[in-house]
Amino acid sequence: MDSTLRRSGPESKLGLTFSRACLVLEGVVLDLLGGDWEEVPRGLSLQMSVALRRAARDAGWWDRESALRALESLLSLPPREVLPVRWDVGMKLLELLTVLKEGPATRSA
């Protein structure tokens, strides 16, 4: 478990809230991957990843910010570009979601 989550106070609450939000994002992305890269779940996934990336940036969690930036890029792709490489995009999205769940929420200078 992240050291951020073990601490008490506002920073631990942020870490817990962030982790929960990442789980919600994961569910939305899985729904997107289970469908036909439809606009509504894609847009929701993209909006959530943007908000989480900003929170990660503000908290100084550079590893998570980077993973979310990559998620944003993939989620920005329109269906006509994704469908031919859907498997590869899906695998990369799952890999990035794993980074969000397992990666340390580090604060770096």
Protein backbone atom coordinates (compact mmCIF):
# COMPACT_ATOMS: atom_id res chain seq x y z
CA MET A 1 0.00 0.00 0.00
CA ASP A 2 1.19 3.53 -0.73
CA SER A 3 2.87 5.45 2.05
CA THR A 4 0.45 8.25 1.23
CA LEU A 5 -2.47 6.05 2.19
CA ARG A 6 -0.92 5.07 5.55
CA ARG A 7 -0.56 8.63 6.78
CA SER A 8 -3.36 10.49 8.47
CA GLY A 9 -4.62 13.92 7.62
CA PRO A 10 -5.50 15.71 4.40
CA GLU A 11 -2.81 14.00 2.30
CA SER A 12 -4.05 10.52 3.25
CA LYS A 13 -7.61 11.53 2.44
CA LEU A 14 -6.45 12.72 -0.96
CA GLY A 15 -4.63 9.42 -1.54
CA LEU A 16 -7.70 7.40 -0.55
CA THR A 17 -10.04 9.52 -2.66
CA PHE A 18 -7.62 9.33 -5.59
CA SER A 19 -7.43 5.53 -5.31
CA ARG A 20 -11.21 5.24 -5.25
CA ALA A 21 -11.54 7.54 -8.24
CA CYS A 22 -9.00 5.39 -10.12
CA LEU A 23 -11.18 2.34 -9.46
CA VAL A 24 -14.18 4.17 -10.90
CA LEU A 25 -12.10 5.18 -13.92
CA GLU A 26 -11.08 1.56 -14.35
CA GLY A 27 -14.74 0.49 -14.42
CA VAL A 28 -15.61 3.10 -17.03
CA VAL A 29 -12.63 2.12 -19.19
CA LEU A 30 -13.59 -1.56 -18.93
CA ASP A 31 -17.12 -0.65 -20.07
CA LEU A 32 -15.60 1.25 -22.97
CA LEU A 33 -13.44 -1.72 -23.95
CA GLY A 34 -16.42 -4.07 -23.69
CA GLY A 35 -18.34 -1.96 -26.19
CA ASP A 36 -17.62 -0.41 -29.55
CA TRP A 37 -15.54 2.59 -28.36
CA GLU A 38 -18.74 4.59 -28.12
CA GLU A 39 -18.65 8.34 -27.62
CA VAL A 40 -20.38 8.54 -24.23
CA PRO A 41 -18.17 6.10 -22.28
CA ARG A 42 -15.09 7.36 -24.13
CA GLY A 43 -15.91 10.96 -23.25
CA LEU A 44 -16.60 10.07 -19.62
CA SER A 45 -13.34 8.13 -19.38
CA LEU A 46 -11.45 11.02 -20.93
CA GLN A 47 -12.98 13.60 -18.58
CA MET A 48 -12.20 11.45 -15.56
CA SER A 49 -8.61 10.88 -16.63
CA VAL A 50 -8.10 14.63 -17.17
CA ALA A 51 -9.43 15.41 -13.68
CA LEU A 52 -7.31 12.69 -12.08
CA ARG A 53 -4.21 13.81 -13.98
CA ARG A 54 -4.64 17.33 -12.67
CA ALA A 55 -5.07 16.02 -9.12
CA ALA A 56 -1.96 13.86 -9.48
CA ARG A 57 0.00 16.83 -10.83
CA ASP A 58 -1.13 19.05 -7.96
CA ALA A 59 -0.19 16.35 -5.43
CA GLY A 60 3.24 15.85 -7.03
CA TRP A 61 2.56 12.24 -8.05
CA TRP A 62 4.55 12.39 -11.27
CA ASP A 63 4.37 8.66 -12.04
CA ARG A 64 0.60 8.69 -11.89
CA GLU A 65 0.36 11.96 -13.77
CA SER A 66 2.41 10.41 -16.56
CA ALA A 67 0.22 7.29 -16.71
CA LEU A 68 -2.92 9.42 -16.81
CA ARG A 69 -1.47 11.60 -19.57
CA ALA A 70 -0.92 8.45 -21.65
CA LEU A 71 -4.47 7.31 -20.84
CA GLU A 72 -5.77 10.67 -22.03
CA SER A 73 -3.94 10.30 -25.32
CA LEU A 74 -5.40 6.88 -25.99
CA LEU A 75 -8.89 7.88 -24.89
CA SER A 76 -8.75 10.88 -27.23
CA LEU A 77 -8.51 8.61 -30.26
CA PRO A 78 -11.67 8.48 -32.38
CA PRO A 79 -13.28 5.09 -33.12
CA ARG A 80 -12.05 5.01 -36.73
CA GLU A 81 -8.45 5.10 -35.47
CA VAL A 82 -8.92 2.69 -32.57
CA LEU A 83 -10.94 -0.09 -34.14
CA PRO A 84 -8.12 -1.40 -36.38
CA VAL A 85 -5.76 -1.61 -33.38
CA ARG A 86 -8.37 -2.16 -30.68
CA TRP A 87 -6.59 -5.08 -29.02
CA ASP A 88 -3.31 -3.19 -28.65
CA VAL A 89 -5.03 -0.05 -27.37
CA GLY A 90 -7.03 -2.10 -24.88
CA MET A 91 -3.93 -3.85 -23.57
CA LYS A 92 -2.10 -0.53 -23.15
CA LEU A 93 -5.09 0.98 -21.32
CA LEU A 94 -5.15 -1.99 -18.93
CA GLU A 95 -1.40 -1.66 -18.38
CA LEU A 96 -1.77 2.03 -17.54
CA LEU A 97 -4.66 1.33 -15.15
CA THR A 98 -2.41 -1.17 -13.38
CA VAL A 99 0.24 1.54 -12.96
CA LEU A 100 -2.38 3.74 -11.31
CA LYS A 101 -3.33 1.00 -8.86
CA GLU A 102 0.13 -0.33 -8.06
CA GLY A 103 2.50 2.55 -8.69
CA PRO A 104 3.77 4.52 -5.74
CA ALA A 105 2.20 7.92 -5.24
CA THR A 106 5.54 9.64 -4.86
CA ARG A 107 6.16 13.25 -4.14
CA SER A 108 9.28 14.31 -5.99
CA ALA A 109 11.09 17.58 -6.37
